Structure formats: C-alpha cells, structure tokens
Amino acid sequence: MPALGGRWLSICETPDLDIIPHRFPRIRTARFFGGLELGWLHLGLSACCLPVRAGLLGSQLPAAGWFLNVDNLLQNFGTDRGGKLIDVTGLDADGQCLTASWSLLAEAGDGPNVPILPALACIRNLMDGKQDGRGAVSCAGLITLSEIECEFSAFRIIIDLNVKHPQERRH
C-alpha cells in the first residue's frame, strides 16, 4: 500500500458488495480486502474467524470485548497510520482500456474518522439545500468524491489518484 508498505490482506464482508452490482450492473466481480499493520496480529485475527467460516460458531460478537482488550494491549506495537487502496480496470468513455488507482493515507490516528466523512458530506449538502431529505437510502450517487474529500481538511488524510491507459506504459 502506498506509504504503508506491504500488509497481509483478507477478504472482507461489506455492504458495498450488495450495492455495487445494482449500481454498476456491468461489474462481474467485486472484492474487498482489509489488513492490519501487524502481520502476526492479522493472521491471528484471521485464524479466530475460522470457526465462523466453518459454521461452528454463528458469530464472534460475544468475543468482541476480549478482542478489544487484546487490541488495547498491543497498541504500542503498531503506528497510528492506516490506509485504503482501490484499483479499478475498465473502459473509458471512448472505449479505451484504463486503470485507475485511488489511495488514502490517514495519519495521527485519523483513520477511524474516514467512514463518517460521507455522512458529513451528506449532512452538509442537506444543510446547504443541495439535497433534499428522502429518508434512508444508499448514499451511492447522492454525493461526489470531491464532496467527501472536502471533509478531509479537518484530519491528516492524504489522497492520491492515478489514471493510466495501458498503452501509455509501452515503449
């Protein structure tokens, strides 16, 4: 991951996996991965999930307090930096193949604030009259990435976008 180095990643269950196929019907595969900074902690957490995956346990929710205690004990072994990387390959408006990478680096412990930023952008749009209150809906398409990025200013969050056509890489 840019500015963070290598990390172990595991596939994650997210609401996006339900939303993306409806929002973008041409997408055949969508996968989300997450990883912890400390490799041995990531692999340990992955191992703890095996009983749920095997159907031996319905949930690890009863162990959440224990996991939080372990996290608190191990905080000094990692840093206060986290990130996100999104890679997409597809066709542009002219039908040409392109690859886009968007990365986010959160420093100074600001990572846990990232998930609330789209909600803040929606609230700001409601307050500014750019959007009307319509009840509970998916926020996909309600706000733009630039509107979310405006909320980053209160935090130590750095983003980067790279878009390339594969033919640009050839010499």
Protein backbone atom coordinates (compact mmCIF):
# COMPACT_ATOMS: atom_id res chain seq x y z
CA MET A 1 0.00 0.00 0.00
CA PRO A 2 1.38 3.44 -0.85
CA ALA A 3 3.32 4.94 2.09
CA LEU A 4 2.42 1.98 4.30
CA GLY A 5 4.41 -0.91 2.85
CA GLY A 6 3.26 -4.47 2.45
CA ARG A 7 0.45 -5.97 4.50
CA TRP A 8 -1.39 -9.23 4.69
CA LEU A 9 -4.94 -8.81 3.38
CA SER A 10 -8.10 -10.86 3.86
CA ILE A 11 -11.38 -10.66 2.03
CA CYS A 12 -14.00 -8.63 3.92
CA GLU A 13 -17.77 -8.66 4.02
CA THR A 14 -19.02 -5.12 3.35
CA PRO A 15 -22.36 -3.51 2.42
CA ASP A 16 -20.63 -2.32 -0.76
CA LEU A 17 -20.72 -5.88 -2.07
CA ASP A 18 -24.53 -5.65 -2.10
CA ILE A 19 -24.67 -2.12 -3.53
CA ILE A 20 -22.07 -2.28 -6.32
CA PRO A 21 -23.76 -4.89 -8.58
CA HIS A 22 -27.00 -2.87 -8.56
CA ARG A 23 -25.25 0.47 -9.11
CA PHE A 24 -22.84 -0.86 -11.76
CA PRO A 25 -24.53 -3.85 -13.48
CA ARG A 26 -21.59 -4.44 -15.86
CA ILE A 27 -19.27 -5.33 -13.00
CA ARG A 28 -18.80 -9.06 -12.83
CA THR A 29 -16.61 -9.26 -9.73
CA ALA A 30 -16.21 -7.02 -6.71
CA ARG A 31 -13.98 -7.97 -3.80
CA PHE A 32 -12.93 -6.02 -0.73
CA PHE A 33 -9.86 -6.76 1.33
CA GLY A 34 -8.66 -5.43 4.65
CA GLY A 35 -5.46 -5.85 6.58
CA LEU A 36 -3.88 -4.98 9.89
CA GLU A 37 -0.48 -3.35 10.17
CA LEU A 38 0.99 -6.12 12.29
CA GLY A 39 1.15 -9.27 10.18
CA TRP A 40 1.06 -11.67 13.11
CA LEU A 41 -2.00 -9.86 14.52
CA HIS A 42 -3.73 -10.00 11.13
CA LEU A 43 -3.06 -13.73 10.78
CA GLY A 44 -4.22 -14.32 14.36
CA LEU A 45 -7.48 -12.47 13.75
CA SER A 46 -7.96 -14.42 10.51
CA ALA A 47 -7.49 -17.66 12.46
CA CYS A 48 -10.10 -16.52 15.00
CA CYS A 49 -12.60 -16.21 12.14
CA LEU A 50 -12.18 -19.81 11.02
CA PRO A 51 -14.80 -21.26 13.42
CA VAL A 52 -17.40 -18.86 11.99
CA ARG A 53 -16.42 -19.70 8.41
CA ALA A 54 -16.63 -23.42 9.22
CA GLY A 55 -20.11 -22.95 10.70
CA LEU A 56 -19.01 -23.98 14.20
CA LEU A 57 -19.88 -20.53 15.59
CA GLY A 58 -22.60 -18.18 14.40
CA SER A 59 -20.62 -15.05 15.25
CA GLN A 60 -17.55 -13.74 17.03
CA LEU A 61 -19.66 -10.94 18.54
CA PRO A 62 -19.55 -12.46 22.06
CA ALA A 63 -15.72 -12.21 21.89
CA ALA A 64 -15.71 -8.52 20.87
CA GLY A 65 -14.79 -7.34 24.37
CA TRP A 66 -11.87 -9.77 24.51
CA PHE A 67 -10.66 -8.62 21.06
CA LEU A 68 -10.83 -5.00 22.22
CA ASN A 69 -8.74 -5.83 25.31
CA VAL A 70 -6.13 -7.54 23.13
CA ASP A 71 -6.12 -4.54 20.79
CA ASN A 72 -5.54 -2.18 23.72
CA LEU A 73 -2.64 -4.32 24.97
CA LEU A 74 -0.96 -4.35 21.55
CA GLN A 75 -1.44 -0.69 20.56
CA ASN A 76 2.19 0.27 21.19
CA PHE A 77 3.44 -2.31 18.68
CA GLY A 78 1.95 -0.54 15.67
CA THR A 79 1.63 3.01 14.39
CA ASP A 80 -1.26 5.44 14.14
CA ARG A 81 -1.28 5.23 10.33
CA GLY A 82 -3.74 3.42 8.10
CA GLY A 83 -4.87 3.48 4.53
CA LYS A 84 -7.06 2.33 1.72
CA LEU A 85 -6.23 1.41 -1.87
CA ILE A 86 -8.76 0.99 -4.66
CA ASP A 87 -7.68 -0.32 -8.07
CA VAL A 88 -10.14 -0.38 -10.97
CA THR A 89 -9.64 -1.53 -14.55
CA GLY A 90 -12.24 -0.82 -17.21
CA LEU A 91 -13.14 1.17 -20.31
CA ASP A 92 -13.19 4.95 -20.54
CA ALA A 93 -15.87 6.97 -22.38
CA ASP A 94 -14.07 6.28 -25.70
CA GLY A 95 -13.99 2.52 -25.11
CA GLN A 96 -10.25 2.52 -24.34
CA CYS A 97 -8.95 0.33 -21.53
CA LEU A 98 -7.73 2.22 -18.47
CA THR A 99 -6.57 1.52 -14.95
CA ALA A 100 -7.26 3.85 -12.05
CA SER A 101 -5.81 3.68 -8.56
CA TRP A 102 -7.08 5.77 -5.66
CA SER A 103 -5.30 5.67 -2.34
CA LEU A 104 -5.94 7.22 1.02
CA LEU A 105 -3.40 7.60 3.82
CA ALA A 106 -4.70 8.51 7.28
CA GLU A 107 -2.14 9.60 9.85
CA ALA A 108 -2.18 10.68 13.50
CA GLY A 109 -4.89 8.14 14.37
CA ASP A 110 -7.40 9.77 11.98
CA GLY A 111 -8.28 6.51 10.18
CA PRO A 112 -11.36 5.69 12.29
CA ASN A 113 -12.88 9.02 11.16
CA VAL A 114 -12.82 8.07 7.47
CA PRO A 115 -16.11 6.07 7.45
CA ILE A 116 -18.11 9.02 8.80
CA LEU A 117 -16.92 11.51 6.17
CA PRO A 118 -19.53 10.58 3.52
CA ALA A 119 -22.25 11.10 6.16
CA LEU A 120 -20.78 14.51 6.97
CA ALA A 121 -20.80 15.43 3.28
CA CYS A 122 -24.47 14.37 3.03
CA ILE A 123 -25.36 16.43 6.11
CA ARG A 124 -23.54 19.45 4.68
CA ASN A 125 -25.46 19.07 1.39
CA LEU A 126 -28.75 18.85 3.29
CA MET A 127 -27.88 21.96 5.30
CA ASP A 128 -26.85 23.84 2.14
CA GLY A 129 -30.05 22.83 0.33
CA LYS A 130 -28.16 20.82 -2.33
CA GLN A 131 -30.07 17.68 -1.44
CA ASP A 132 -33.50 17.05 -0.01
CA GLY A 133 -34.19 14.66 2.87
CA ARG A 134 -35.59 11.47 1.39
CA GLY A 135 -35.28 9.01 4.26
CA ALA A 136 -32.94 6.05 4.50
CA VAL A 137 -31.34 5.24 1.14
CA SER A 138 -27.97 4.14 -0.16
CA CYS A 139 -25.68 7.14 -0.47
CA ALA A 140 -24.31 5.83 -3.78
CA GLY A 141 -24.79 8.66 -6.25
CA LEU A 142 -26.01 11.20 -3.66
CA ILE A 143 -22.62 12.82 -3.14
CA THR A 144 -19.45 13.15 -5.16
CA LEU A 145 -15.96 12.07 -4.20
CA SER A 146 -14.89 15.72 -4.18
CA GLU A 147 -17.65 16.50 -1.65
CA ILE A 148 -16.32 13.74 0.61
CA GLU A 149 -12.74 14.92 0.09
CA CYS A 150 -13.74 18.39 1.34
CA GLU A 151 -14.37 16.78 4.73
CA PHE A 152 -10.75 15.54 4.88
CA SER A 153 -9.44 19.01 5.73
CA ALA A 154 -10.06 18.58 9.47
CA PHE A 155 -7.90 15.45 9.51
CA ARG A 156 -4.44 14.28 8.48
CA ILE A 157 -5.70 12.45 5.41
CA ILE A 158 -3.81 12.40 2.11
CA ILE A 159 -5.29 11.06 -1.12
CA ASP A 160 -3.79 10.25 -4.48
CA LEU A 161 -5.42 9.38 -7.82
CA ASN A 162 -3.57 7.87 -10.78
CA VAL A 163 -5.31 7.06 -14.05
CA LYS A 164 -3.39 5.31 -16.84
CA HIS A 165 -4.18 3.83 -20.20
CA PRO A 166 -2.23 0.56 -20.55
CA GLN A 167 -0.81 1.68 -23.91
CA GLU A 168 0.92 4.56 -22.04
CA ARG A 169 3.16 2.02 -20.30
CA ARG A 170 4.51 0.56 -23.55
CA HIS A 171 7.75 1.92 -25.03
